[in-house]
Amino acid sequence: MEPVKNTKDRITWHKACHVEDIPADGGGCALIEGKQIAIFNFSRRGEWYATDNMCPHRQQMAVARGMIGSQEGEPKVACPFHKKTFSLRSGQCLNDEAYSINTFPVMVKENQVYIGL
């Protein structure tokens, strides 16, 4: 499937996976334009998120395997190796200002998950 371009917002939507490929309240990873993107199905909140898969702390491709939860209402993911915790909305590290990850828009349509780059 060809990416769908949204010229107004300069976003190109890429089909990443089927909804059922990402576990409820968990994550998975997709390779889009040579970049590993972590995708999260935060089913307890009825929300989807996408971030870089690489944790900047130790340059490990592991964020998709992290645990998701909330901190004072902010959806977050914790890197499974060293527990750096990142906002799923902004990408800012919640327990170390020196780190952040990119976040990406997610669209779910007809049982497909699309990531905007």
PDB file of N, CA and C in Angstrom:
ATOM      1  N   MET A   1       0.845  -1.183   0.000  1.00  0.00           N
ATOM      2  CA  MET A   1       0.000   0.000   0.000  1.00  0.00           C
ATOM      3  C   MET A   1       0.883   1.236   0.000  1.00  0.00           C
ATOM      4  N   GLU A   2       0.574   2.188  -0.833  1.00  0.00           N
ATOM      5  CA  GLU A   2       1.315   3.444  -0.912  1.00  0.00           C
ATOM      6  C   GLU A   2       0.957   4.332   0.277  1.00  0.00           C
ATOM      7  N   PRO A   3       1.923   5.066   0.808  1.00  0.00           N
ATOM      8  CA  PRO A   3       1.630   6.016   1.894  1.00  0.00           C
ATOM      9  C   PRO A   3       0.624   7.062   1.433  1.00  0.00           C
ATOM     10  N   VAL A   4      -0.190   7.529   2.353  1.00  0.00           N
ATOM     11  CA  VAL A   4      -1.186   8.554   2.077  1.00  0.00           C
ATOM     12  C   VAL A   4      -0.639   9.887   2.577  1.00  0.00           C
ATOM     13  N   LYS A   5      -0.549  10.874   1.696  1.00  0.00           N
ATOM     14  CA  LYS A   5       0.005  12.174   2.080  1.00  0.00           C
ATOM     15  C   LYS A   5      -1.112  13.130   2.473  1.00  0.00           C
ATOM     16  N   ASN A   6      -0.866  13.874   3.532  1.00  0.00           N
ATOM     17  CA  ASN A   6      -1.746  14.939   3.974  1.00  0.00           C
ATOM     18  C   ASN A   6      -0.936  16.220   3.813  1.00  0.00           C
ATOM     19  N   THR A   7      -1.117  16.905   2.692  1.00  0.00           N
ATOM     20  CA  THR A   7      -0.281  18.066   2.395  1.00  0.00           C
ATOM     21  C   THR A   7      -0.559  19.237   3.322  1.00  0.00           C
ATOM     22  N   LYS A   8      -1.760  19.324   3.860  1.00  0.00           N
ATOM     23  CA  LYS A   8      -2.079  20.429   4.765  1.00  0.00           C
ATOM     24  C   LYS A   8      -1.176  20.399   5.993  1.00  0.00           C
ATOM     25  N   ASP A   9      -1.012  19.230   6.589  1.00  0.00           N
ATOM     26  CA  ASP A   9      -0.209  19.091   7.803  1.00  0.00           C
ATOM     27  C   ASP A   9       1.192  18.554   7.516  1.00  0.00           C
ATOM     28  N   ARG A  10       1.487  18.280   6.251  1.00  0.00           N
ATOM     29  CA  ARG A  10       2.772  17.710   5.843  1.00  0.00           C
ATOM     30  C   ARG A  10       3.048  16.377   6.534  1.00  0.00           C
ATOM     31  N   ILE A  11       2.027  15.586   6.697  1.00  0.00           N
ATOM     32  CA  ILE A  11       2.151  14.256   7.292  1.00  0.00           C
ATOM     33  C   ILE A  11       1.916  13.230   6.195  1.00  0.00           C
ATOM     34  N   THR A  12       2.748  12.205   6.182  1.00  0.00           N
ATOM     35  CA  THR A  12       2.522  11.055   5.317  1.00  0.00           C
ATOM     36  C   THR A  12       2.153   9.894   6.224  1.00  0.00           C
ATOM     37  N   TRP A  13       0.984   9.294   5.975  1.00  0.00           N
ATOM     38  CA  TRP A  13       0.510   8.181   6.795  1.00  0.00           C
ATOM     39  C   TRP A  13       1.013   6.876   6.205  1.00  0.00           C
ATOM     40  N   HIS A  14       1.583   6.030   7.045  1.00  0.00           N
ATOM     41  CA  HIS A  14       2.123   4.741   6.638  1.00  0.00           C
ATOM     42  C   HIS A  14       1.378   3.628   7.363  1.00  0.00           C
ATOM     43  N   LYS A  15       0.905   2.647   6.599  1.00  0.00           N
ATOM     44  CA  LYS A  15       0.266   1.496   7.236  1.00  0.00           C
ATOM     45  C   LYS A  15       1.342   0.714   7.978  1.00  0.00           C
ATOM     46  N   ALA A  16       1.153   0.554   9.282  1.00  0.00           N
ATOM     47  CA  ALA A  16       2.156  -0.102  10.113  1.00  0.00           C
ATOM     48  C   ALA A  16       1.816  -1.563  10.406  1.00  0.00           C
ATOM     49  N   CYS A  17       0.538  -1.828  10.709  1.00  0.00           N
ATOM     50  CA  CYS A  17       0.150  -3.177  11.113  1.00  0.00           C
ATOM     51  C   CYS A  17      -1.368  -3.252  11.237  1.00  0.00           C
ATOM     52  N   HIS A  18      -1.860  -4.434  11.592  1.00  0.00           N
ATOM     53  CA  HIS A  18      -3.263  -4.614  11.944  1.00  0.00           C
ATOM     54  C   HIS A  18      -3.422  -4.329  13.443  1.00  0.00           C
ATOM     55  N   VAL A  19      -4.590  -3.921  13.836  1.00  0.00           N
ATOM     56  CA  VAL A  19      -4.867  -3.634  15.251  1.00  0.00           C
ATOM     57  C   VAL A  19      -4.496  -4.826  16.132  1.00  0.00           C
ATOM     58  N   GLU A  20      -4.843  -6.029  15.687  1.00  0.00           N
ATOM     59  CA  GLU A  20      -4.594  -7.218  16.522  1.00  0.00           C
ATOM     60  C   GLU A  20      -3.112  -7.587  16.630  1.00  0.00           C
ATOM     61  N   ASP A  21      -2.244  -6.951  15.856  1.00  0.00           N
ATOM     62  CA  ASP A  21      -0.809  -7.212  15.955  1.00  0.00           C
ATOM     63  C   ASP A  21      -0.181  -6.595  17.201  1.00  0.00           C
ATOM     64  N   ILE A  22      -0.853  -5.629  17.799  1.00  0.00           N
ATOM     65  CA  ILE A  22      -0.333  -4.952  18.993  1.00  0.00           C
ATOM     66  C   ILE A  22      -1.172  -5.399  20.188  1.00  0.00           C
ATOM     67  N   PRO A  23      -0.554  -5.997  21.208  1.00  0.00           N
ATOM     68  CA  PRO A  23      -1.336  -6.490  22.344  1.00  0.00           C
ATOM     69  C   PRO A  23      -2.010  -5.359  23.125  1.00  0.00           C
ATOM     70  N   ALA A  24      -3.173  -5.670  23.685  1.00  0.00           N
ATOM     71  CA  ALA A  24      -3.862  -4.707  24.545  1.00  0.00           C
ATOM     72  C   ALA A  24      -2.946  -4.323  25.694  1.00  0.00           C
ATOM     73  N   ASP A  25      -2.855  -3.014  25.963  1.00  0.00           N
ATOM     74  CA  ASP A  25      -2.008  -2.472  27.023  1.00  0.00           C
ATOM     75  C   ASP A  25      -0.552  -2.918  26.878  1.00  0.00           C
ATOM     76  N   GLY A  26      -0.109  -2.956  25.629  1.00  0.00           N
ATOM     77  CA  GLY A  26       1.264  -3.328  25.339  1.00  0.00           C
ATOM     78  C   GLY A  26       1.758  -2.647  24.079  1.00  0.00           C
ATOM     79  N   GLY A  27       2.905  -3.079  23.616  1.00  0.00           N
ATOM     80  CA  GLY A  27       3.513  -2.451  22.456  1.00  0.00           C
ATOM     81  C   GLY A  27       4.048  -3.441  21.457  1.00  0.00           C
ATOM     82  N   GLY A  28       4.400  -2.905  20.311  1.00  0.00           N
ATOM     83  CA  GLY A  28       5.021  -3.654  19.238  1.00  0.00           C
ATOM     84  C   GLY A  28       5.877  -2.695  18.439  1.00  0.00           C
ATOM     85  N   CYS A  29       6.516  -3.201  17.406  1.00  0.00           N
ATOM     86  CA  CYS A  29       7.430  -2.366  16.636  1.00  0.00           C
ATOM     87  C   CYS A  29       7.182  -2.561  15.150  1.00  0.00           C
ATOM     88  N   ALA A  30       7.317  -1.488  14.383  1.00  0.00           N
ATOM     89  CA  ALA A  30       7.202  -1.539  12.926  1.00  0.00           C
ATOM     90  C   ALA A  30       8.376  -0.778  12.323  1.00  0.00           C
ATOM     91  N   LEU A  31       8.851  -1.260  11.194  1.00  0.00           N
ATOM     92  CA  LEU A  31       9.909  -0.586  10.466  1.00  0.00           C
ATOM     93  C   LEU A  31       9.258   0.262   9.378  1.00  0.00           C
ATOM     94  N   ILE A  32       9.383   1.575   9.492  1.00  0.00           N
ATOM     95  CA  ILE A  32       8.767   2.508   8.551  1.00  0.00           C
ATOM     96  C   ILE A  32       9.847   3.448   8.045  1.00  0.00           C
ATOM     97  N   GLU A  33      10.033   3.453   6.738  1.00  0.00           N
ATOM     98  CA  GLU A  33      11.058   4.282   6.099  1.00  0.00           C
ATOM     99  C   GLU A  33      12.419   4.106   6.775  1.00  0.00           C
ATOM    100  N   GLY A  34      12.758   2.861   7.101  1.00  0.00           N
ATOM    101  CA  GLY A  34      14.048   2.556   7.703  1.00  0.00           C
ATOM    102  C   GLY A  34      14.175   2.914   9.167  1.00  0.00           C
ATOM    103  N   LYS A  35      13.067   3.308   9.794  1.00  0.00           N
ATOM    104  CA  LYS A  35      13.084   3.748  11.192  1.00  0.00           C
ATOM    105  C   LYS A  35      12.219   2.805  12.032  1.00  0.00           C
ATOM    106  N   GLN A  36      12.758   2.348  13.164  1.00  0.00           N
ATOM    107  CA  GLN A  36      11.974   1.516  14.075  1.00  0.00           C
ATOM    108  C   GLN A  36      11.041   2.405  14.890  1.00  0.00           C
ATOM    109  N   ILE A  37       9.740   2.127  14.776  1.00  0.00           N
ATOM    110  CA  ILE A  37       8.712   2.892  15.481  1.00  0.00           C
ATOM    111  C   ILE A  37       8.022   1.963  16.479  1.00  0.00           C
ATOM    112  N   ALA A  38       7.998   2.368  17.740  1.00  0.00           N
ATOM    113  CA  ALA A  38       7.277   1.630  18.774  1.00  0.00           C
ATOM    114  C   ALA A  38       5.819   2.076  18.731  1.00  0.00           C
ATOM    115  N   ILE A  39       4.905   1.113  18.748  1.00  0.00           N
ATOM    116  CA  ILE A  39       3.467   1.395  18.684  1.00  0.00           C
ATOM    117  C   ILE A  39       2.820   0.810  19.931  1.00  0.00           C
ATOM    118  N   PHE A  40       1.993   1.613  20.589  1.00  0.00           N
ATOM    119  CA  PHE A  40       1.368   1.191  21.840  1.00  0.00           C
ATOM    120  C   PHE A  40      -0.150   1.256  21.753  1.00  0.00           C
ATOM    121  N   ASN A  41      -0.783   0.170  22.193  1.00  0.00           N
ATOM    122  CA  ASN A  41      -2.235   0.088  22.301  1.00  0.00           C
ATOM    123  C   ASN A  41      -2.563   0.218  23.783  1.00  0.00           C
ATOM    124  N   PHE A  42      -2.832   1.442  24.204  1.00  0.00           N
ATOM    125  CA  PHE A  42      -3.149   1.709  25.610  1.00  0.00           C
ATOM    126  C   PHE A  42      -4.657   1.513  25.755  1.00  0.00           C
ATOM    127  N   SER A  43      -5.077   0.249  25.726  1.00  0.00           N
ATOM    128  CA  SER A  43      -6.506  -0.074  25.678  1.00  0.00           C
ATOM    129  C   SER A  43      -7.261   0.366  26.929  1.00  0.00           C
ATOM    130  N   ARG A  44      -6.602   0.410  28.082  1.00  0.00           N
ATOM    131  CA  ARG A  44      -7.282   0.874  29.304  1.00  0.00           C
ATOM    132  C   ARG A  44      -7.760   2.310  29.141  1.00  0.00           C
ATOM    133  N   ARG A  45      -7.062   3.087  28.318  1.00  0.00           N
ATOM    134  CA  ARG A  45      -7.418   4.486  28.066  1.00  0.00           C
ATOM    135  C   ARG A  45      -8.127   4.658  26.735  1.00  0.00           C
ATOM    136  N   GLY A  46      -8.158   3.593  25.913  1.00  0.00           N
ATOM    137  CA  GLY A  46      -8.751   3.687  24.583  1.00  0.00           C
ATOM    138  C   GLY A  46      -7.912   4.571  23.660  1.00  0.00           C
ATOM    139  N   GLU A  47      -6.573   4.540  23.829  1.00  0.00           N
ATOM    140  CA  GLU A  47      -5.681   5.424  23.074  1.00  0.00           C
ATOM    141  C   GLU A  47      -4.539   4.635  22.450  1.00  0.00           C
ATOM    142  N   TRP A  48      -4.045   5.167  21.339  1.00  0.00           N
ATOM    143  CA  TRP A  48      -2.888   4.615  20.640  1.00  0.00           C
ATOM    144  C   TRP A  48      -1.787   5.664  20.612  1.00  0.00           C
ATOM    145  N   TYR A  49      -0.526   5.201  20.709  1.00  0.00           N
ATOM    146  CA  TYR A  49       0.628   6.087  20.682  1.00  0.00           C
ATOM    147  C   TYR A  49       1.729   5.461  19.841  1.00  0.00           C
ATOM    148  N   ALA A  50       2.633   6.310  19.339  1.00  0.00           N
ATOM    149  CA  ALA A  50       3.809   5.829  18.622  1.00  0.00           C
ATOM    150  C   ALA A  50       4.995   6.714  18.982  1.00  0.00           C
ATOM    151  N   THR A  51       6.140   6.083  19.169  1.00  0.00           N
ATOM    152  CA  THR A  51       7.374   6.789  19.550  1.00  0.00           C
ATOM    153  C   THR A  51       8.559   6.137  18.828  1.00  0.00           C
ATOM    154  N   ASP A  52       9.724   6.755  18.977  1.00  0.00           N
ATOM    155  CA  ASP A  52      10.951   6.074  18.581  1.00  0.00           C
ATOM    156  C   ASP A  52      11.037   4.771  19.378  1.00  0.00           C
ATOM    157  N   ASN A  53      11.636   3.762  18.767  1.00  0.00           N
ATOM    158  CA  ASN A  53      11.865   2.526  19.504  1.00  0.00           C
ATOM    159  C   ASN A  53      13.200   2.559  20.248  1.00  0.00           C
ATOM    160  N   MET A  54      14.099   3.439  19.842  1.00  0.00           N
ATOM    161  CA  MET A  54      15.412   3.488  20.482  1.00  0.00           C
ATOM    162  C   MET A  54      15.386   4.362  21.732  1.00  0.00           C
ATOM    163  N   CYS A  55      15.796   3.773  22.843  1.00  0.00           N
ATOM    164  CA  CYS A  55      15.949   4.532  24.078  1.00  0.00           C
ATOM    165  C   CYS A  55      17.255   5.313  23.983  1.00  0.00           C
ATOM    166  N   PRO A  56      17.211   6.631  24.144  1.00  0.00           N
ATOM    167  CA  PRO A  56      18.423   7.432  24.005  1.00  0.00           C
ATOM    168  C   PRO A  56      19.428   7.251  25.142  1.00  0.00           C
ATOM    169  N   HIS A  57      18.999   6.670  26.238  1.00  0.00           N
ATOM    170  CA  HIS A  57      19.875   6.493  27.395  1.00  0.00           C
ATOM    171  C   HIS A  57      21.067   5.592  27.068  1.00  0.00           C
ATOM    172  N   ARG A  58      20.808   4.452  26.454  1.00  0.00           N
ATOM    173  CA  ARG A  58      21.878   3.510  26.116  1.00  0.00           C
ATOM    174  C   ARG A  58      21.834   3.094  24.644  1.00  0.00           C
ATOM    175  N   GLN A  59      21.066   3.817  23.840  1.00  0.00           N
ATOM    176  CA  GLN A  59      20.972   3.556  22.400  1.00  0.00           C
ATOM    177  C   GLN A  59      20.510   2.127  22.112  1.00  0.00           C
ATOM    178  N   GLN A  60      19.519   1.648  22.869  1.00  0.00           N
ATOM    179  CA  GLN A  60      19.002   0.295  22.685  1.00  0.00           C
ATOM    180  C   GLN A  60      17.609   0.348  22.063  1.00  0.00           C
ATOM    181  N   MET A  61      17.370  -0.537  21.089  1.00  0.00           N
ATOM    182  CA  MET A  61      16.059  -0.647  20.445  1.00  0.00           C
ATOM    183  C   MET A  61      15.164  -1.493  21.347  1.00  0.00           C
ATOM    184  N   ALA A  62      14.494  -0.841  22.293  1.00  0.00           N
ATOM    185  CA  ALA A  62      13.774  -1.605  23.304  1.00  0.00           C
ATOM    186  C   ALA A  62      12.485  -0.963  23.791  1.00  0.00           C
ATOM    187  N   VAL A  63      12.197   0.267  23.409  1.00  0.00           N
ATOM    188  CA  VAL A  63      11.060   0.984  23.994  1.00  0.00           C
ATOM    189  C   VAL A  63       9.743   0.235  23.772  1.00  0.00           C
ATOM    190  N   ALA A  64       9.575  -0.412  22.617  1.00  0.00           N
ATOM    191  CA  ALA A  64       8.326  -1.134  22.326  1.00  0.00           C
ATOM    192  C   ALA A  64       8.050  -2.252  23.321  1.00  0.00           C
ATOM    193  N   ARG A  65       9.097  -2.750  23.983  1.00  0.00           N
ATOM    194  CA  ARG A  65       8.937  -3.828  24.965  1.00  0.00           C
ATOM    195  C   ARG A  65       8.732  -3.298  26.381  1.00  0.00           C
ATOM    196  N   GLY A  66       8.676  -1.976  26.525  1.00  0.00           N
ATOM    197  CA  GLY A  66       8.518  -1.373  27.844  1.00  0.00           C
ATOM    198  C   GLY A  66       7.103  -1.498  28.381  1.00  0.00           C
ATOM    199  N   MET A  67       6.983  -1.263  29.678  1.00  0.00           N
ATOM    200  CA  MET A  67       5.668  -1.287  30.329  1.00  0.00           C
ATOM    201  C   MET A  67       5.028   0.079  30.214  1.00  0.00           C
ATOM    202  N   ILE A  68       3.724   0.101  29.910  1.00  0.00           N
ATOM    203  CA  ILE A  68       3.010   1.364  29.829  1.00  0.00           C
ATOM    204  C   ILE A  68       2.164   1.549  31.085  1.00  0.00           C
ATOM    205  N   GLY A  69       1.887   2.806  31.380  1.00  0.00           N
ATOM    206  CA  GLY A  69       1.086   3.156  32.545  1.00  0.00           C
ATOM    207  C   GLY A  69       0.832   4.647  32.538  1.00  0.00           C
ATOM    208  N   SER A  70       0.502   5.195  33.682  1.00  0.00           N
ATOM    209  CA  SER A  70       0.235   6.628  33.811  1.00  0.00           C
ATOM    210  C   SER A  70       0.968   7.188  35.019  1.00  0.00           C
ATOM    211  N   GLN A  71       1.369   8.436  34.895  1.00  0.00           N
ATOM    212  CA  GLN A  71       1.985   9.156  36.011  1.00  0.00           C
ATOM    213  C   GLN A  71       1.269  10.483  36.124  1.00  0.00           C
ATOM    214  N   GLU A  72       0.473  10.638  37.173  1.00  0.00           N
ATOM    215  CA  GLU A  72      -0.345  11.839  37.368  1.00  0.00           C
ATOM    216  C   GLU A  72      -1.178  12.138  36.122  1.00  0.00           C
ATOM    217  N   GLY A  73      -1.759  11.098  35.540  1.00  0.00           N
ATOM    218  CA  GLY A  73      -2.623  11.239  34.378  1.00  0.00           C
ATOM    219  C   GLY A  73      -1.904  11.251  33.043  1.00  0.00           C
ATOM    220  N   GLU A  74      -0.582  11.335  33.053  1.00  0.00           N
ATOM    221  CA  GLU A  74       0.214  11.370  31.823  1.00  0.00           C
ATOM    222  C   GLU A  74       0.528   9.936  31.376  1.00  0.00           C
ATOM    223  N   PRO A  75       0.132   9.540  30.153  1.00  0.00           N
ATOM    224  CA  PRO A  75       0.475   8.198  29.677  1.00  0.00           C
ATOM    225  C   PRO A  75       1.985   8.100  29.466  1.00  0.00           C
ATOM    226  N   LYS A  76       2.572   6.964  29.867  1.00  0.00           N
ATOM    227  CA  LYS A  76       4.027   6.836  29.822  1.00  0.00           C
ATOM    228  C   LYS A  76       4.428   5.410  29.461  1.00  0.00           C
ATOM    229  N   VAL A  77       5.693   5.289  29.063  1.00  0.00           N
ATOM    230  CA  VAL A  77       6.306   3.983  28.838  1.00  0.00           C
ATOM    231  C   VAL A  77       7.657   3.993  29.531  1.00  0.00           C
ATOM    232  N   ALA A  78       8.010   2.866  30.151  1.00  0.00           N
ATOM    233  CA  ALA A  78       9.304   2.726  30.819  1.00  0.00           C
ATOM    234  C   ALA A  78      10.175   1.787  30.000  1.00  0.00           C
ATOM    235  N   CYS A  79      11.365   2.223  29.660  1.00  0.00           N
ATOM    236  CA  CYS A  79      12.318   1.368  28.960  1.00  0.00           C
ATOM    237  C   CYS A  79      12.557   0.122  29.819  1.00  0.00           C
ATOM    238  N   PRO A  80      12.527  -1.062  29.221  1.00  0.00           N
ATOM    239  CA  PRO A  80      12.649  -2.285  30.030  1.00  0.00           C
ATOM    240  C   PRO A  80      14.037  -2.505  30.632  1.00  0.00           C
ATOM    241  N   PHE A  81      15.055  -1.801  30.157  1.00  0.00           N
ATOM    242  CA  PHE A  81      16.405  -2.051  30.654  1.00  0.00           C
ATOM    243  C   PHE A  81      16.785  -1.198  31.861  1.00  0.00           C
ATOM    244  N   HIS A  82      16.633   0.122  31.753  1.00  0.00           N
ATOM    245  CA  HIS A  82      17.100   0.992  32.826  1.00  0.00           C
ATOM    246  C   HIS A  82      15.996   1.878  33.394  1.00  0.00           C
ATOM    247  N   LYS A  83      14.774   1.608  33.002  1.00  0.00           N
ATOM    248  CA  LYS A  83      13.576   2.250  33.569  1.00  0.00           C
ATOM    249  C   LYS A  83      13.477   3.749  33.337  1.00  0.00           C
ATOM    250  N   LYS A  84      14.132   4.264  32.282  1.00  0.00           N
ATOM    251  CA  LYS A  84      13.867   5.656  31.889  1.00  0.00           C
ATOM    252  C   LYS A  84      12.417   5.689  31.443  1.00  0.00           C
ATOM    253  N   THR A  85      11.658   6.648  31.938  1.00  0.00           N
ATOM    254  CA  THR A  85      10.223   6.722  31.696  1.00  0.00           C
ATOM    255  C   THR A  85       9.919   7.912  30.800  1.00  0.00           C
ATOM    256  N   PHE A  86       9.208   7.661  29.694  1.00  0.00           N
ATOM    257  CA  PHE A  86       8.928   8.688  28.696  1.00  0.00           C
ATOM    258  C   PHE A  86       7.434   8.935  28.542  1.00  0.00           C
ATOM    259  N   SER A  87       7.060  10.197  28.404  1.00  0.00           N
ATOM    260  CA  SER A  87       5.676  10.559  28.103  1.00  0.00           C
ATOM    261  C   SER A  87       5.338  10.039  26.715  1.00  0.00           C
ATOM    262  N   LEU A  88       4.201   9.370  26.595  1.00  0.00           N
ATOM    263  CA  LEU A  88       3.763   8.901  25.281  1.00  0.00           C
ATOM    264  C   LEU A  88       3.193  10.045  24.441  1.00  0.00           C
ATOM    265  N   ARG A  89       2.877  11.156  25.080  1.00  0.00           N
ATOM    266  CA  ARG A  89       2.370  12.326  24.342  1.00  0.00           C
ATOM    267  C   ARG A  89       3.495  13.200  23.808  1.00  0.00           C
ATOM    268  N   SER A  90       4.426  13.561  24.669  1.00  0.00           N
ATOM    269  CA  SER A  90       5.468  14.527  24.287  1.00  0.00           C
ATOM    270  C   SER A  90       6.820  13.883  23.996  1.00  0.00           C
ATOM    271  N   GLY A  91       7.067  12.691  24.528  1.00  0.00           N
ATOM    272  CA  GLY A  91       8.352  12.030  24.380  1.00  0.00           C
ATOM    273  C   GLY A  91       9.376  12.440  25.425  1.00  0.00           C
ATOM    274  N   GLN A  92       9.066  13.427  26.251  1.00  0.00           N
ATOM    275  CA  GLN A  92      10.005  13.894  27.271  1.00  0.00           C
ATOM    276  C   GLN A  92      10.195  12.816  28.338  1.00  0.00           C
ATOM    277  N   CYS A  93      11.433  12.630  28.769  1.00  0.00           N
ATOM    278  CA  CYS A  93      11.719  11.687  29.842  1.00  0.00           C
ATOM    279  C   CYS A  93      11.178  12.272  31.143  1.00  0.00           C
ATOM    280  N   LEU A  94      10.407  11.498  31.872  1.00  0.00           N
ATOM    281  CA  LEU A  94       9.755  11.986  33.084  1.00  0.00           C
ATOM    282  C   LEU A  94      10.629  11.843  34.330  1.00  0.00           C
ATOM    283  N   ASN A  95      11.729  11.094  34.207  1.00  0.00           N
ATOM    284  CA  ASN A  95      12.598  10.951  35.374  1.00  0.00           C
ATOM    285  C   ASN A  95      14.058  11.327  35.083  1.00  0.00           C
ATOM    286  N   ASP A  96      14.282  12.032  33.962  1.00  0.00           N
ATOM    287  CA  ASP A  96      15.616  12.541  33.645  1.00  0.00           C
ATOM    288  C   ASP A  96      15.488  13.528  32.485  1.00  0.00           C
ATOM    289  N   GLU A  97      15.569  14.809  32.787  1.00  0.00           N
ATOM    290  CA  GLU A  97      15.358  15.862  31.789  1.00  0.00           C
ATOM    291  C   GLU A  97      16.300  15.789  30.595  1.00  0.00           C
ATOM    292  N   ALA A  98      17.393  15.080  30.724  1.00  0.00           N
ATOM    293  CA  ALA A  98      18.411  15.036  29.673  1.00  0.00           C
ATOM    294  C   ALA A  98      17.975  14.221  28.457  1.00  0.00           C
ATOM    295  N   TYR A  99      16.905  13.441  28.585  1.00  0.00           N
ATOM    296  CA  TYR A  99      16.516  12.531  27.515  1.00  0.00           C
ATOM    297  C   TYR A  99      15.109  12.824  27.008  1.00  0.00           C
ATOM    298  N   SER A 100      14.894  12.500  25.732  1.00  0.00           N
ATOM    299  CA  SER A 100      13.556  12.541  25.144  1.00  0.00           C
ATOM    300  C   SER A 100      13.560  11.646  23.910  1.00  0.00           C
ATOM    301  N   ILE A 101      12.372  11.260  23.471  1.00  0.00           N
ATOM    302  CA  ILE A 101      12.202  10.476  22.256  1.00  0.00           C
ATOM    303  C   ILE A 101      11.176  11.173  21.383  1.00  0.00           C
ATOM    304  N   ASN A 102      11.210  10.888  20.092  1.00  0.00           N
ATOM    305  CA  ASN A 102      10.221  11.450  19.182  1.00  0.00           C
ATOM    306  C   ASN A 102       8.896  10.715  19.339  1.00  0.00           C
ATOM    307  N   THR A 103       7.811  11.436  19.163  1.00  0.00           N
ATOM    308  CA  THR A 103       6.483  10.835  19.139  1.00  0.00           C
ATOM    309  C   THR A 103       5.891  11.073  17.759  1.00  0.00           C
ATOM    310  N   PHE A 104       4.930  10.229  17.376  1.00  0.00           N
ATOM    311  CA  PHE A 104       4.337  10.295  16.047  1.00  0.00           C
ATOM    312  C   PHE A 104       2.819  10.146  16.161  1.00  0.00           C
ATOM    313  N   PRO A 105       2.071  10.808  15.275  1.00  0.00           N
ATOM    314  CA  PRO A 105       0.611  10.641  15.303  1.00  0.00           C
ATOM    315  C   PRO A 105       0.217   9.235  14.852  1.00  0.00           C
ATOM    316  N   VAL A 106      -0.874   8.745  15.424  1.00  0.00           N
ATOM    317  CA  VAL A 106      -1.396   7.418  15.102  1.00  0.00           C
ATOM    318  C   VAL A 106      -2.837   7.567  14.637  1.00  0.00           C
ATOM    319  N   MET A 107      -3.184   6.842  13.591  1.00  0.00           N
ATOM    320  CA  MET A 107      -4.555   6.799  13.107  1.00  0.00           C
ATOM    321  C   MET A 107      -4.953   5.328  12.981  1.00  0.00           C
ATOM    322  N   VAL A 108      -6.106   4.971  13.544  1.00  0.00           N
ATOM    323  CA  VAL A 108      -6.635   3.619  13.410  1.00  0.00           C
ATOM    324  C   VAL A 108      -7.871   3.714  12.537  1.00  0.00           C
ATOM    325  N   LYS A 109      -7.841   2.959  11.443  1.00  0.00           N
ATOM    326  CA  LYS A 109      -8.942   3.009  10.479  1.00  0.00           C
ATOM    327  C   LYS A 109      -9.116   1.628   9.866  1.00  0.00           C
ATOM    328  N   GLU A 110     -10.344   1.125   9.911  1.00  0.00           N
ATOM    329  CA  GLU A 110     -10.692  -0.170   9.323  1.00  0.00           C
ATOM    330  C   GLU A 110      -9.734  -1.280   9.767  1.00  0.00           C
ATOM    331  N   ASN A 111      -9.488  -1.354  11.073  1.00  0.00           N
ATOM    332  CA  ASN A 111      -8.673  -2.387  11.692  1.00  0.00           C
ATOM    333  C   ASN A 111      -7.191  -2.309  11.324  1.00  0.00           C
ATOM    334  N   GLN A 112      -6.770  -1.169  10.779  1.00  0.00           N
ATOM    335  CA  GLN A 112      -5.369  -0.948  10.421  1.00  0.00           C
ATOM    336  C   GLN A 112      -4.811   0.177  11.277  1.00  0.00           C
ATOM    337  N   VAL A 113      -3.534   0.091  11.621  1.00  0.00           N
ATOM    338  CA  VAL A 113      -2.855   1.134  12.369  1.00  0.00           C
ATOM    339  C   VAL A 113      -1.923   1.861  11.411  1.00  0.00           C
ATOM    340  N   TYR A 114      -2.077   3.182  11.345  1.00  0.00           N
ATOM    341  CA  TYR A 114      -1.256   4.036  10.488  1.00  0.00           C
ATOM    342  C   TYR A 114      -0.427   4.969  11.369  1.00  0.00           C
ATOM    343  N   ILE A 115       0.812   5.185  10.961  1.00  0.00           N
ATOM    344  CA  ILE A 115       1.706   6.085  11.683  1.00  0.00           C
ATOM    345  C   ILE A 115       2.021   7.254  10.740  1.00  0.00           C
ATOM    346  N   GLY A 116       1.935   8.468  11.278  1.00  0.00           N
ATOM    347  CA  GLY A 116       2.237   9.666  10.493  1.00  0.00           C
ATOM    348  C   GLY A 116       3.669  10.108  10.700  1.00  0.00           C
ATOM    349  N   LEU A 117       4.360  10.279   9.573  1.00  0.00           N
ATOM    350  CA  LEU A 117       5.737  10.803   9.613  1.00  0.00           C
ATOM    351  C   LEU A 117       5.781  12.100   8.826  1.00  0.00           C
TER     352      LEU A 117
END
